[in-house]
Amino acid sequence: MPTKAKPTTTNKPTRAARPSAAEPEPPVAEVVALPAPTVSRPRRRGRTARPVLPVALGSLTQPGARSGDTCQRCGTERVTSLALVLTDGTPIRFTSCHGCEHRTWLGPDGPLDRATVLERTRKIR
């Protein structure tokens, strides 16, 4: 008598039954992106481009590279000198002496005192 082969079992995962045409599919949520709320803020005014004159940069450690500025009070060349533009747009040159601590602010119309510099650097609100 012939022997029948035994059915073999496999470890394949079973598939879930697909829904038939008669069963409705569950609804799918739709994602809608809402625009972000806008806050009305005043626009900041940008700085207007101003021509910048080239300034030779000095060195505090190398005497040959210094710009030649001197202190108005004691005459030493050991000074720090910076070209700045104040908040109101005034270009100035600030000089600070390492020897006697004297400070000067020189604007286009001549020397400025500390009170004038502070007044011109206040933020306008």
PDB file of N, CA and C in Angstrom:
ATOM      1  N   MET A   1       0.818  -1.140   0.000  1.00  0.00           N
ATOM      2  CA  MET A   1       0.000   0.000   0.000  1.00  0.00           C
ATOM      3  C   MET A   1       0.884   1.232   0.000  1.00  0.00           C
ATOM      4  N   PRO A   2       0.558   2.159  -0.834  1.00  0.00           N
ATOM      5  CA  PRO A   2       1.396   3.344  -0.917  1.00  0.00           C
ATOM      6  C   PRO A   2       1.189   4.213   0.319  1.00  0.00           C
ATOM      7  N   THR A   3       2.277   4.843   0.743  1.00  0.00           N
ATOM      8  CA  THR A   3       2.175   5.707   1.918  1.00  0.00           C
ATOM      9  C   THR A   3       1.918   7.132   1.465  1.00  0.00           C
ATOM     10  N   LYS A   4       1.083   7.796   2.241  1.00  0.00           N
ATOM     11  CA  LYS A   4       0.769   9.190   1.921  1.00  0.00           C
ATOM     12  C   LYS A   4       1.795  10.100   2.588  1.00  0.00           C
ATOM     13  N   ALA A   5       2.150  11.111   1.897  1.00  0.00           N
ATOM     14  CA  ALA A   5       3.088  12.079   2.470  1.00  0.00           C
ATOM     15  C   ALA A   5       2.361  12.921   3.500  1.00  0.00           C
ATOM     16  N   LYS A   6       3.072  13.190   4.588  1.00  0.00           N
ATOM     17  CA  LYS A   6       2.463  14.001   5.628  1.00  0.00           C
ATOM     18  C   LYS A   6       2.557  15.477   5.215  1.00  0.00           C
ATOM     19  N   PRO A   7       1.504  16.206   5.499  1.00  0.00           N
ATOM     20  CA  PRO A   7       1.606  17.640   5.167  1.00  0.00           C
ATOM     21  C   PRO A   7       2.644  18.299   6.061  1.00  0.00           C
ATOM     22  N   THR A   8       3.456  19.183   5.457  1.00  0.00           N
ATOM     23  CA  THR A   8       4.493  19.880   6.230  1.00  0.00           C
ATOM     24  C   THR A   8       3.946  21.213   6.715  1.00  0.00           C
ATOM     25  N   THR A   9       4.383  21.605   7.875  1.00  0.00           N
ATOM     26  CA  THR A   9       3.955  22.910   8.407  1.00  0.00           C
ATOM     27  C   THR A   9       5.127  23.877   8.303  1.00  0.00           C
ATOM     28  N   THR A  10       4.793  25.123   7.994  1.00  0.00           N
ATOM     29  CA  THR A  10       5.833  26.162   7.913  1.00  0.00           C
ATOM     30  C   THR A  10       5.523  27.229   8.947  1.00  0.00           C
ATOM     31  N   ASN A  11       6.529  27.978   9.281  1.00  0.00           N
ATOM     32  CA  ASN A  11       6.361  29.044  10.277  1.00  0.00           C
ATOM     33  C   ASN A  11       6.113  30.393   9.601  1.00  0.00           C
ATOM     34  N   LYS A  12       5.371  30.414   8.535  1.00  0.00           N
ATOM     35  CA  LYS A  12       5.072  31.670   7.859  1.00  0.00           C
ATOM     36  C   LYS A  12       4.025  32.422   8.662  1.00  0.00           C
ATOM     37  N   PRO A  13       4.202  33.757   8.764  1.00  0.00           N
ATOM     38  CA  PRO A  13       3.182  34.529   9.472  1.00  0.00           C
ATOM     39  C   PRO A  13       1.900  34.551   8.653  1.00  0.00           C
ATOM     40  N   THR A  14       0.821  34.547   9.346  1.00  0.00           N
ATOM     41  CA  THR A  14      -0.460  34.573   8.635  1.00  0.00           C
ATOM     42  C   THR A  14      -0.841  36.004   8.358  1.00  0.00           C
ATOM     43  N   ARG A  15      -1.461  36.215   7.247  1.00  0.00           N
ATOM     44  CA  ARG A  15      -1.894  37.554   6.866  1.00  0.00           C
ATOM     45  C   ARG A  15      -3.276  37.815   7.432  1.00  0.00           C
ATOM     46  N   ALA A  16      -3.485  39.057   7.801  1.00  0.00           N
ATOM     47  CA  ALA A  16      -4.813  39.419   8.266  1.00  0.00           C
ATOM     48  C   ALA A  16      -5.738  39.457   7.065  1.00  0.00           C
ATOM     49  N   ALA A  17      -6.921  39.095   7.303  1.00  0.00           N
ATOM     50  CA  ALA A  17      -7.878  39.067   6.202  1.00  0.00           C
ATOM     51  C   ALA A  17      -8.168  40.489   5.765  1.00  0.00           C
ATOM     52  N   ARG A  18      -8.185  40.680   4.472  1.00  0.00           N
ATOM     53  CA  ARG A  18      -8.514  41.992   3.933  1.00  0.00           C
ATOM     54  C   ARG A  18     -10.009  42.215   4.090  1.00  0.00           C
ATOM     55  N   PRO A  19     -10.366  43.473   4.335  1.00  0.00           N
ATOM     56  CA  PRO A  19     -11.801  43.723   4.439  1.00  0.00           C
ATOM     57  C   PRO A  19     -12.454  43.505   3.075  1.00  0.00           C
ATOM     58  N   SER A  20     -13.590  42.940   3.103  1.00  0.00           N
ATOM     59  CA  SER A  20     -14.296  42.681   1.842  1.00  0.00           C
ATOM     60  C   SER A  20     -14.913  43.974   1.362  1.00  0.00           C
ATOM     61  N   ALA A  21     -15.392  43.962   0.160  1.00  0.00           N
ATOM     62  CA  ALA A  21     -15.984  45.157  -0.418  1.00  0.00           C
ATOM     63  C   ALA A  21     -17.213  45.591   0.353  1.00  0.00           C
ATOM     64  N   ALA A  22     -17.846  44.673   1.055  1.00  0.00           N
ATOM     65  CA  ALA A  22     -19.049  45.006   1.797  1.00  0.00           C
ATOM     66  C   ALA A  22     -18.727  45.758   3.078  1.00  0.00           C
ATOM     67  N   GLU A  23     -17.518  45.557   3.657  1.00  0.00           N
ATOM     68  CA  GLU A  23     -17.151  46.230   4.900  1.00  0.00           C
ATOM     69  C   GLU A  23     -16.521  47.583   4.575  1.00  0.00           C
ATOM     70  N   PRO A  24     -17.010  48.693   5.151  1.00  0.00           N
ATOM     71  CA  PRO A  24     -16.404  50.012   4.883  1.00  0.00           C
ATOM     72  C   PRO A  24     -15.079  50.153   5.612  1.00  0.00           C
ATOM     73  N   GLU A  25     -14.152  50.875   4.990  1.00  0.00           N
ATOM     74  CA  GLU A  25     -12.848  51.123   5.616  1.00  0.00           C
ATOM     75  C   GLU A  25     -13.003  52.191   6.687  1.00  0.00           C
ATOM     76  N   PRO A  26     -12.200  52.131   7.748  1.00  0.00           N
ATOM     77  CA  PRO A  26     -12.313  53.164   8.788  1.00  0.00           C
ATOM     78  C   PRO A  26     -11.890  54.517   8.207  1.00  0.00           C
ATOM     79  N   PRO A  27     -12.477  55.621   8.693  1.00  0.00           N
ATOM     80  CA  PRO A  27     -12.111  56.948   8.158  1.00  0.00           C
ATOM     81  C   PRO A  27     -10.669  57.300   8.516  1.00  0.00           C
ATOM     82  N   VAL A  28     -10.035  58.032   7.626  1.00  0.00           N
ATOM     83  CA  VAL A  28      -8.658  58.464   7.820  1.00  0.00           C
ATOM     84  C   VAL A  28      -8.695  59.930   8.221  1.00  0.00           C
ATOM     85  N   ALA A  29      -7.941  60.278   9.286  1.00  0.00           N
ATOM     86  CA  ALA A  29      -7.903  61.665   9.732  1.00  0.00           C
ATOM     87  C   ALA A  29      -7.075  62.478   8.752  1.00  0.00           C
ATOM     88  N   GLU A  30      -7.557  63.662   8.440  1.00  0.00           N
ATOM     89  CA  GLU A  30      -6.842  64.539   7.521  1.00  0.00           C
ATOM     90  C   GLU A  30      -6.161  65.629   8.341  1.00  0.00           C
ATOM     91  N   VAL A  31      -4.869  65.837   8.097  1.00  0.00           N
ATOM     92  CA  VAL A  31      -4.104  66.852   8.814  1.00  0.00           C
ATOM     93  C   VAL A  31      -4.139  68.128   7.998  1.00  0.00           C
ATOM     94  N   VAL A  32      -4.581  69.197   8.644  1.00  0.00           N
ATOM     95  CA  VAL A  32      -4.661  70.492   7.973  1.00  0.00           C
ATOM     96  C   VAL A  32      -3.737  71.449   8.716  1.00  0.00           C
ATOM     97  N   ALA A  33      -2.819  72.066   8.011  1.00  0.00           N
ATOM     98  CA  ALA A  33      -1.888  73.024   8.621  1.00  0.00           C
ATOM     99  C   ALA A  33      -2.531  74.397   8.598  1.00  0.00           C
ATOM    100  N   LEU A  34      -2.668  75.002   9.762  1.00  0.00           N
ATOM    101  CA  LEU A  34      -3.222  76.341   9.862  1.00  0.00           C
ATOM    102  C   LEU A  34      -2.082  77.345   9.862  1.00  0.00           C
ATOM    103  N   PRO A  35      -2.289  78.504   9.252  1.00  0.00           N
ATOM    104  CA  PRO A  35      -1.211  79.510   9.266  1.00  0.00           C
ATOM    105  C   PRO A  35      -0.994  80.018  10.683  1.00  0.00           C
ATOM    106  N   ALA A  36       0.254  80.307  10.987  1.00  0.00           N
ATOM    107  CA  ALA A  36       0.608  80.822  12.310  1.00  0.00           C
ATOM    108  C   ALA A  36       0.020  82.215  12.472  1.00  0.00           C
ATOM    109  N   PRO A  37      -0.451  82.543  13.672  1.00  0.00           N
ATOM    110  CA  PRO A  37      -0.999  83.888  13.870  1.00  0.00           C
ATOM    111  C   PRO A  37       0.107  84.923  13.728  1.00  0.00           C
ATOM    112  N   THR A  38      -0.229  86.014  13.111  1.00  0.00           N
ATOM    113  CA  THR A  38       0.763  87.075  12.921  1.00  0.00           C
ATOM    114  C   THR A  38       0.565  88.139  13.987  1.00  0.00           C
ATOM    115  N   VAL A  39       1.666  88.624  14.491  1.00  0.00           N
ATOM    116  CA  VAL A  39       1.645  89.672  15.496  1.00  0.00           C
ATOM    117  C   VAL A  39       2.127  90.942  14.823  1.00  0.00           C
ATOM    118  N   SER A  40       1.365  91.967  14.959  1.00  0.00           N
ATOM    119  CA  SER A  40       1.732  93.229  14.329  1.00  0.00           C
ATOM    120  C   SER A  40       2.781  93.933  15.179  1.00  0.00           C
ATOM    121  N   ARG A  41       3.980  93.999  14.668  1.00  0.00           N
ATOM    122  CA  ARG A  41       5.081  94.689  15.346  1.00  0.00           C
ATOM    123  C   ARG A  41       5.612  95.761  14.424  1.00  0.00           C
ATOM    124  N   PRO A  42       6.055  96.858  14.994  1.00  0.00           N
ATOM    125  CA  PRO A  42       6.668  97.865  14.126  1.00  0.00           C
ATOM    126  C   PRO A  42       7.976  97.334  13.558  1.00  0.00           C
ATOM    127  N   ARG A  43       8.235  97.623  12.316  1.00  0.00           N
ATOM    128  CA  ARG A  43       9.465  97.157  11.678  1.00  0.00           C
ATOM    129  C   ARG A  43      10.647  97.951  12.195  1.00  0.00           C
ATOM    130  N   ARG A  44      11.747  97.237  12.409  1.00  0.00           N
ATOM    131  CA  ARG A  44      12.969  97.911  12.819  1.00  0.00           C
ATOM    132  C   ARG A  44      13.581  98.585  11.607  1.00  0.00           C
ATOM    133  N   ARG A  45      14.019  99.779  11.830  1.00  0.00           N
ATOM    134  CA  ARG A  45      14.691 100.473  10.742  1.00  0.00           C
ATOM    135  C   ARG A  45      16.116  99.968  10.639  1.00  0.00           C
ATOM    136  N   GLY A  46      16.510  99.598   9.454  1.00  0.00           N
ATOM    137  CA  GLY A  46      17.879  99.154   9.245  1.00  0.00           C
ATOM    138  C   GLY A  46      18.812 100.351   9.157  1.00  0.00           C
ATOM    139  N   ARG A  47      20.049 100.079   9.351  1.00  0.00           N
ATOM    140  CA  ARG A  47      21.035 101.151   9.227  1.00  0.00           C
ATOM    141  C   ARG A  47      21.302 101.405   7.754  1.00  0.00           C
ATOM    142  N   THR A  48      21.368 102.639   7.409  1.00  0.00           N
ATOM    143  CA  THR A  48      21.677 102.968   6.027  1.00  0.00           C
ATOM    144  C   THR A  48      23.176 102.849   5.823  1.00  0.00           C
ATOM    145  N   ALA A  49      23.540 102.476   4.635  1.00  0.00           N
ATOM    146  CA  ALA A  49      24.954 102.310   4.321  1.00  0.00           C
ATOM    147  C   ALA A  49      25.625 103.680   4.282  1.00  0.00           C
ATOM    148  N   ARG A  50      26.695 103.801   4.997  1.00  0.00           N
ATOM    149  CA  ARG A  50      27.475 105.042   5.010  1.00  0.00           C
ATOM    150  C   ARG A  50      28.873 104.730   4.500  1.00  0.00           C
ATOM    151  N   PRO A  51      29.447 105.640   3.778  1.00  0.00           N
ATOM    152  CA  PRO A  51      30.817 105.382   3.327  1.00  0.00           C
ATOM    153  C   PRO A  51      31.750 105.332   4.536  1.00  0.00           C
ATOM    154  N   VAL A  52      32.619 104.352   4.539  1.00  0.00           N
ATOM    155  CA  VAL A  52      33.567 104.174   5.636  1.00  0.00           C
ATOM    156  C   VAL A  52      34.966 104.460   5.114  1.00  0.00           C
ATOM    157  N   LEU A  53      35.621 105.389   5.780  1.00  0.00           N
ATOM    158  CA  LEU A  53      36.985 105.722   5.384  1.00  0.00           C
ATOM    159  C   LEU A  53      37.926 104.682   5.955  1.00  0.00           C
ATOM    160  N   PRO A  54      38.906 104.246   5.179  1.00  0.00           N
ATOM    161  CA  PRO A  54      39.848 103.260   5.711  1.00  0.00           C
ATOM    162  C   PRO A  54      40.679 103.876   6.834  1.00  0.00           C
ATOM    163  N   VAL A  55      40.807 103.126   7.919  1.00  0.00           N
ATOM    164  CA  VAL A  55      41.570 103.586   9.073  1.00  0.00           C
ATOM    165  C   VAL A  55      42.679 102.579   9.320  1.00  0.00           C
ATOM    166  N   ALA A  56      43.897 103.082   9.475  1.00  0.00           N
ATOM    167  CA  ALA A  56      45.017 102.190   9.772  1.00  0.00           C
ATOM    168  C   ALA A  56      44.847 101.661  11.185  1.00  0.00           C
ATOM    169  N   LEU A  57      44.851 100.350  11.321  1.00  0.00           N
ATOM    170  CA  LEU A  57      44.726  99.740  12.640  1.00  0.00           C
ATOM    171  C   LEU A  57      46.090  99.689  13.294  1.00  0.00           C
ATOM    172  N   GLY A  58      46.155 100.072  14.554  1.00  0.00           N
ATOM    173  CA  GLY A  58      47.419 100.077  15.273  1.00  0.00           C
ATOM    174  C   GLY A  58      47.563  98.838  16.123  1.00  0.00           C
ATOM    175  N   SER A  59      48.652  98.768  16.830  1.00  0.00           N
ATOM    176  CA  SER A  59      48.923  97.662  17.726  1.00  0.00           C
ATOM    177  C   SER A  59      49.404  98.220  19.054  1.00  0.00           C
ATOM    178  N   LEU A  60      48.903  97.647  20.140  1.00  0.00           N
ATOM    179  CA  LEU A  60      49.345  98.096  21.456  1.00  0.00           C
ATOM    180  C   LEU A  60      50.699  97.523  21.828  1.00  0.00           C
ATOM    181  N   THR A  61      51.075  96.410  21.213  1.00  0.00           N
ATOM    182  CA  THR A  61      52.313  95.734  21.602  1.00  0.00           C
ATOM    183  C   THR A  61      53.487  96.030  20.685  1.00  0.00           C
ATOM    184  N   GLN A  62      53.227  96.514  19.468  1.00  0.00           N
ATOM    185  CA  GLN A  62      54.309  96.772  18.529  1.00  0.00           C
ATOM    186  C   GLN A  62      54.333  98.264  18.198  1.00  0.00           C
ATOM    187  N   PRO A  63      55.300  99.002  18.769  1.00  0.00           N
ATOM    188  CA  PRO A  63      55.338 100.457  18.574  1.00  0.00           C
ATOM    189  C   PRO A  63      55.371 100.884  17.112  1.00  0.00           C
ATOM    190  N   GLY A  64      56.000 100.120  16.237  1.00  0.00           N
ATOM    191  CA  GLY A  64      56.081 100.503  14.824  1.00  0.00           C
ATOM    192  C   GLY A  64      54.742 100.429  14.110  1.00  0.00           C
ATOM    193  N   ALA A  65      53.778  99.710  14.656  1.00  0.00           N
ATOM    194  CA  ALA A  65      52.475  99.546  14.014  1.00  0.00           C
ATOM    195  C   ALA A  65      51.440 100.520  14.546  1.00  0.00           C
ATOM    196  N   ARG A  66      51.808 101.358  15.487  1.00  0.00           N
ATOM    197  CA  ARG A  66      50.850 102.323  16.048  1.00  0.00           C
ATOM    198  C   ARG A  66      50.511 103.389  15.026  1.00  0.00           C
ATOM    199  N   SER A  67      49.333 104.001  15.201  1.00  0.00           N
ATOM    200  CA  SER A  67      48.820 104.937  14.200  1.00  0.00           C
ATOM    201  C   SER A  67      49.398 106.344  14.297  1.00  0.00           C
ATOM    202  N   GLY A  68      50.135 106.655  15.343  1.00  0.00           N
ATOM    203  CA  GLY A  68      50.720 107.995  15.463  1.00  0.00           C
ATOM    204  C   GLY A  68      49.894 108.933  16.323  1.00  0.00           C
ATOM    205  N   ASP A  69      48.752 108.480  16.860  1.00  0.00           N
ATOM    206  CA  ASP A  69      47.958 109.324  17.750  1.00  0.00           C
ATOM    207  C   ASP A  69      48.719 109.533  19.048  1.00  0.00           C
ATOM    208  N   THR A  70      48.548 110.695  19.635  1.00  0.00           N
ATOM    209  CA  THR A  70      49.187 111.000  20.911  1.00  0.00           C
ATOM    210  C   THR A  70      48.146 111.532  21.886  1.00  0.00           C
ATOM    211  N   CYS A  71      48.469 111.449  23.163  1.00  0.00           N
ATOM    212  CA  CYS A  71      47.594 111.974  24.208  1.00  0.00           C
ATOM    213  C   CYS A  71      47.670 113.498  24.198  1.00  0.00           C
ATOM    214  N   GLN A  72      46.523 114.164  24.270  1.00  0.00           N
ATOM    215  CA  GLN A  72      46.489 115.626  24.276  1.00  0.00           C
ATOM    216  C   GLN A  72      47.011 116.205  25.589  1.00  0.00           C
ATOM    217  N   ARG A  73      46.945 115.396  26.663  1.00  0.00           N
ATOM    218  CA  ARG A  73      47.365 115.910  27.968  1.00  0.00           C
ATOM    219  C   ARG A  73      48.856 115.689  28.215  1.00  0.00           C
ATOM    220  N   CYS A  74      49.334 114.429  28.077  1.00  0.00           N
ATOM    221  CA  CYS A  74      50.732 114.150  28.442  1.00  0.00           C
ATOM    222  C   CYS A  74      51.640 113.930  27.231  1.00  0.00           C
ATOM    223  N   GLY A  75      51.098 113.765  26.029  1.00  0.00           N
ATOM    224  CA  GLY A  75      51.906 113.659  24.825  1.00  0.00           C
ATOM    225  C   GLY A  75      52.432 112.271  24.485  1.00  0.00           C
ATOM    226  N   THR A  76      52.153 111.263  25.298  1.00  0.00           N
ATOM    227  CA  THR A  76      52.657 109.927  25.004  1.00  0.00           C
ATOM    228  C   THR A  76      51.940 109.317  23.788  1.00  0.00           C
ATOM    229  N   GLU A  77      52.639 108.385  23.153  1.00  0.00           N
ATOM    230  CA  GLU A  77      52.038 107.671  22.018  1.00  0.00           C
ATOM    231  C   GLU A  77      51.372 106.375  22.466  1.00  0.00           C
ATOM    232  N   ARG A  78      51.419 106.070  23.760  1.00  0.00           N
ATOM    233  CA  ARG A  78      50.797 104.842  24.279  1.00  0.00           C
ATOM    234  C   ARG A  78      49.305 105.090  24.497  1.00  0.00           C
ATOM    235  N   VAL A  79      48.568 105.122  23.403  1.00  0.00           N
ATOM    236  CA  VAL A  79      47.129 105.374  23.462  1.00  0.00           C
ATOM    237  C   VAL A  79      46.385 104.299  22.661  1.00  0.00           C
ATOM    238  N   THR A  80      45.132 104.101  23.027  1.00  0.00           N
ATOM    239  CA  THR A  80      44.219 103.282  22.235  1.00  0.00           C
ATOM    240  C   THR A  80      43.296 104.248  21.521  1.00  0.00           C
ATOM    241  N   SER A  81      43.168 104.087  20.239  1.00  0.00           N
ATOM    242  CA  SER A  81      42.347 104.992  19.451  1.00  0.00           C
ATOM    243  C   SER A  81      41.374 104.177  18.607  1.00  0.00           C
ATOM    244  N   LEU A  82      40.093 104.493  18.712  1.00  0.00           N
ATOM    245  CA  LEU A  82      39.046 103.764  17.990  1.00  0.00           C
ATOM    246  C   LEU A  82      38.194 104.715  17.165  1.00  0.00           C
ATOM    247  N   ALA A  83      37.867 104.308  15.958  1.00  0.00           N
ATOM    248  CA  ALA A  83      36.913 105.044  15.129  1.00  0.00           C
ATOM    249  C   ALA A  83      35.542 104.459  15.403  1.00  0.00           C
ATOM    250  N   LEU A  84      34.581 105.289  15.806  1.00  0.00           N
ATOM    251  CA  LEU A  84      33.238 104.846  16.167  1.00  0.00           C
ATOM    252  C   LEU A  84      32.189 105.672  15.448  1.00  0.00           C
ATOM    253  N   VAL A  85      30.971 105.133  15.397  1.00  0.00           N
ATOM    254  CA  VAL A  85      29.820 105.883  14.912  1.00  0.00           C
ATOM    255  C   VAL A  85      28.790 105.840  16.025  1.00  0.00           C
ATOM    256  N   LEU A  86      28.387 107.014  16.515  1.00  0.00           N
ATOM    257  CA  LEU A  86      27.419 107.089  17.602  1.00  0.00           C
ATOM    258  C   LEU A  86      26.025 106.732  17.107  1.00  0.00           C
ATOM    259  N   THR A  87      25.109 106.526  18.048  1.00  0.00           N
ATOM    260  CA  THR A  87      23.741 106.124  17.711  1.00  0.00           C
ATOM    261  C   THR A  87      23.065 107.117  16.776  1.00  0.00           C
ATOM    262  N   ASP A  88      23.352 108.394  16.925  1.00  0.00           N
ATOM    263  CA  ASP A  88      22.719 109.393  16.063  1.00  0.00           C
ATOM    264  C   ASP A  88      23.405 109.527  14.704  1.00  0.00           C
ATOM    265  N   GLY A  89      24.444 108.708  14.455  1.00  0.00           N
ATOM    266  CA  GLY A  89      25.121 108.711  13.160  1.00  0.00           C
ATOM    267  C   GLY A  89      26.387 109.540  13.102  1.00  0.00           C
ATOM    268  N   THR A  90      26.780 110.173  14.201  1.00  0.00           N
ATOM    269  CA  THR A  90      27.980 111.005  14.225  1.00  0.00           C
ATOM    270  C   THR A  90      29.233 110.137  14.259  1.00  0.00           C
ATOM    271  N   PRO A  91      30.129 110.281  13.276  1.00  0.00           N
ATOM    272  CA  PRO A  91      31.392 109.543  13.336  1.00  0.00           C
ATOM    273  C   PRO A  91      32.339 110.256  14.296  1.00  0.00           C
ATOM    274  N   ILE A  92      32.972 109.498  15.195  1.00  0.00           N
ATOM    275  CA  ILE A  92      33.919 110.088  16.147  1.00  0.00           C
ATOM    276  C   ILE A  92      35.170 109.226  16.227  1.00  0.00           C
ATOM    277  N   ARG A  93      36.192 109.794  16.822  1.00  0.00           N
ATOM    278  CA  ARG A  93      37.433 109.066  17.107  1.00  0.00           C
ATOM    279  C   ARG A  93      37.658 109.169  18.603  1.00  0.00           C
ATOM    280  N   PHE A  94      37.642 108.011  19.275  1.00  0.00           N
ATOM    281  CA  PHE A  94      37.851 107.946  20.723  1.00  0.00           C
ATOM    282  C   PHE A  94      39.310 107.601  20.987  1.00  0.00           C
ATOM    283  N   THR A  95      39.955 108.328  21.878  1.00  0.00           N
ATOM    284  CA  THR A  95      41.344 108.065  22.235  1.00  0.00           C
ATOM    285  C   THR A  95      41.457 107.985  23.748  1.00  0.00           C
ATOM    286  N   SER A  96      42.127 106.931  24.230  1.00  0.00           N
ATOM    287  CA  SER A  96      42.334 106.731  25.659  1.00  0.00           C
ATOM    288  C   SER A  96      43.826 106.541  25.915  1.00  0.00           C
ATOM    289  N   CYS A  97      44.363 107.303  26.852  1.00  0.00           N
ATOM    290  CA  CYS A  97      45.793 107.260  27.160  1.00  0.00           C
ATOM    291  C   CYS A  97      46.087 106.180  28.193  1.00  0.00           C
ATOM    292  N   HIS A  98      47.153 105.406  27.967  1.00  0.00           N
ATOM    293  CA  HIS A  98      47.569 104.376  28.917  1.00  0.00           C
ATOM    294  C   HIS A  98      48.389 104.969  30.060  1.00  0.00           C
ATOM    295  N   GLY A  99      48.946 106.121  29.827  1.00  0.00           N
ATOM    296  CA  GLY A  99      49.797 106.741  30.848  1.00  0.00           C
ATOM    297  C   GLY A  99      49.009 107.525  31.880  1.00  0.00           C
ATOM    298  N   CYS A 100      48.167 108.469  31.433  1.00  0.00           N
ATOM    299  CA  CYS A 100      47.478 109.348  32.380  1.00  0.00           C
ATOM    300  C   CYS A 100      45.965 109.123  32.430  1.00  0.00           C
ATOM    301  N   GLU A 101      45.450 108.131  31.677  1.00  0.00           N
ATOM    302  CA  GLU A 101      44.025 107.784  31.677  1.00  0.00           C
ATOM    303  C   GLU A 101      43.132 108.875  31.074  1.00  0.00           C
ATOM    304  N   HIS A 102      43.711 109.838  30.385  1.00  0.00           N
ATOM    305  CA  HIS A 102      42.916 110.906  29.756  1.00  0.00           C
ATOM    306  C   HIS A 102      42.174 110.333  28.539  1.00  0.00           C
ATOM    307  N   ARG A 103      40.913 110.723  28.369  1.00  0.00           N
ATOM    308  CA  ARG A 103      40.094 110.252  27.241  1.00  0.00           C
ATOM    309  C   ARG A 103      39.582 111.445  26.447  1.00  0.00           C
ATOM    310  N   THR A 104      39.576 111.284  25.122  1.00  0.00           N
ATOM    311  CA  THR A 104      39.034 112.344  24.257  1.00  0.00           C
ATOM    312  C   THR A 104      38.124 111.722  23.206  1.00  0.00           C
ATOM    313  N   TRP A 105      37.133 112.499  22.801  1.00  0.00           N
ATOM    314  CA  TRP A 105      36.224 112.133  21.721  1.00  0.00           C
ATOM    315  C   TRP A 105      36.291 113.263  20.701  1.00  0.00           C
ATOM    316  N   LEU A 106      36.701 112.930  19.492  1.00  0.00           N
ATOM    317  CA  LEU A 106      36.861 113.936  18.450  1.00  0.00           C
ATOM    318  C   LEU A 106      35.844 113.670  17.350  1.00  0.00           C
ATOM    319  N   GLY A 107      34.935 114.620  17.133  1.00  0.00           N
ATOM    320  CA  GLY A 107      33.916 114.501  16.094  1.00  0.00           C
ATOM    321  C   GLY A 107      34.295 115.301  14.867  1.00  0.00           C
ATOM    322  N   PRO A 108      33.438 115.323  13.841  1.00  0.00           N
ATOM    323  CA  PRO A 108      33.757 116.062  12.622  1.00  0.00           C
ATOM    324  C   PRO A 108      33.845 117.571  12.840  1.00  0.00           C
ATOM    325  N   ASP A 109      33.173 118.074  13.895  1.00  0.00           N
ATOM    326  CA  ASP A 109      33.192 119.510  14.166  1.00  0.00           C
ATOM    327  C   ASP A 109      34.141 119.882  15.299  1.00  0.00           C
ATOM    328  N   GLY A 110      34.966 118.929  15.748  1.00  0.00           N
ATOM    329  CA  GLY A 110      35.905 119.214  16.818  1.00  0.00           C
ATOM    330  C   GLY A 110      35.681 118.315  18.019  1.00  0.00           C
ATOM    331  N   PRO A 111      36.356 118.628  19.143  1.00  0.00           N
ATOM    332  CA  PRO A 111      36.261 117.795  20.342  1.00  0.00           C
ATOM    333  C   PRO A 111      34.847 117.788  20.929  1.00  0.00           C
ATOM    334  N   LEU A 112      34.461 116.631  21.500  1.00  0.00           N
ATOM    335  CA  LEU A 112      33.169 116.484  22.168  1.00  0.00           C
ATOM    336  C   LEU A 112      33.421 116.150  23.630  1.00  0.00           C
ATOM    337  N   ASP A 113      32.586 116.681  24.524  1.00  0.00           N
ATOM    338  CA  ASP A 113      32.733 116.303  25.927  1.00  0.00           C
ATOM    339  C   ASP A 113      31.919 115.038  26.205  1.00  0.00           C
ATOM    340  N   ARG A 114      32.165 114.436  27.362  1.00  0.00           N
ATOM    341  CA  ARG A 114      31.536 113.162  27.714  1.00  0.00           C
ATOM    342  C   ARG A 114      30.009 113.272  27.719  1.00  0.00           C
ATOM    343  N   ALA A 115      29.450 114.343  28.239  1.00  0.00           N
ATOM    344  CA  ALA A 115      27.995 114.513  28.307  1.00  0.00           C
ATOM    345  C   ALA A 115      27.375 114.529  26.904  1.00  0.00           C
ATOM    346  N   THR A 116      28.034 115.185  25.965  1.00  0.00           N
ATOM    347  CA  THR A 116      27.527 115.232  24.585  1.00  0.00           C
ATOM    348  C   THR A 116      27.562 113.855  23.950  1.00  0.00           C
ATOM    349  N   VAL A 117      28.650 113.116  24.184  1.00  0.00           N
ATOM    350  CA  VAL A 117      28.755 111.768  23.632  1.00  0.00           C
ATOM    351  C   VAL A 117      27.652 110.879  24.206  1.00  0.00           C
ATOM    352  N   LEU A 118      27.433 110.942  25.520  1.00  0.00           N
ATOM    353  CA  LEU A 118      26.392 110.135  26.141  1.00  0.00           C
ATOM    354  C   LEU A 118      25.019 110.502  25.624  1.00  0.00           C
ATOM    355  N   GLU A 119      24.755 111.780  25.420  1.00  0.00           N
ATOM    356  CA  GLU A 119      23.463 112.209  24.883  1.00  0.00           C
ATOM    357  C   GLU A 119      23.239 111.680  23.471  1.00  0.00           C
ATOM    358  N   ARG A 120      24.267 111.681  22.661  1.00  0.00           N
ATOM    359  CA  ARG A 120      24.142 111.212  21.283  1.00  0.00           C
ATOM    360  C   ARG A 120      24.102 109.685  21.149  1.00  0.00           C
ATOM    361  N   THR A 121      24.452 108.978  22.215  1.00  0.00           N
ATOM    362  CA  THR A 121      24.428 107.524  22.152  1.00  0.00           C
ATOM    363  C   THR A 121      23.185 106.912  22.780  1.00  0.00           C
ATOM    364  N   ARG A 122      22.267 107.727  23.263  1.00  0.00           N
ATOM    365  CA  ARG A 122      21.025 107.193  23.852  1.00  0.00           C
ATOM    366  C   ARG A 122      20.159 106.584  22.775  1.00  0.00           C
ATOM    367  N   LYS A 123      19.487 105.472  23.144  1.00  0.00           N
ATOM    368  CA  LYS A 123      18.550 104.838  22.230  1.00  0.00           C
ATOM    369  C   LYS A 123      17.269 105.650  22.172  1.00  0.00           C
ATOM    370  N   ILE A 124      16.763 105.813  20.993  1.00  0.00           N
ATOM    371  CA  ILE A 124      15.508 106.529  20.795  1.00  0.00           C
ATOM    372  C   ILE A 124      14.384 105.522  20.910  1.00  0.00           C
ATOM    373  N   ARG A 125      13.457 105.737  21.835  1.00  0.00           N
ATOM    374  CA  ARG A 125      12.346 104.780  22.017  1.00  0.00           C
ATOM    375  C   ARG A 125      11.040 105.408  21.662  1.00  0.00           C
TER     376      ARG A 125
END
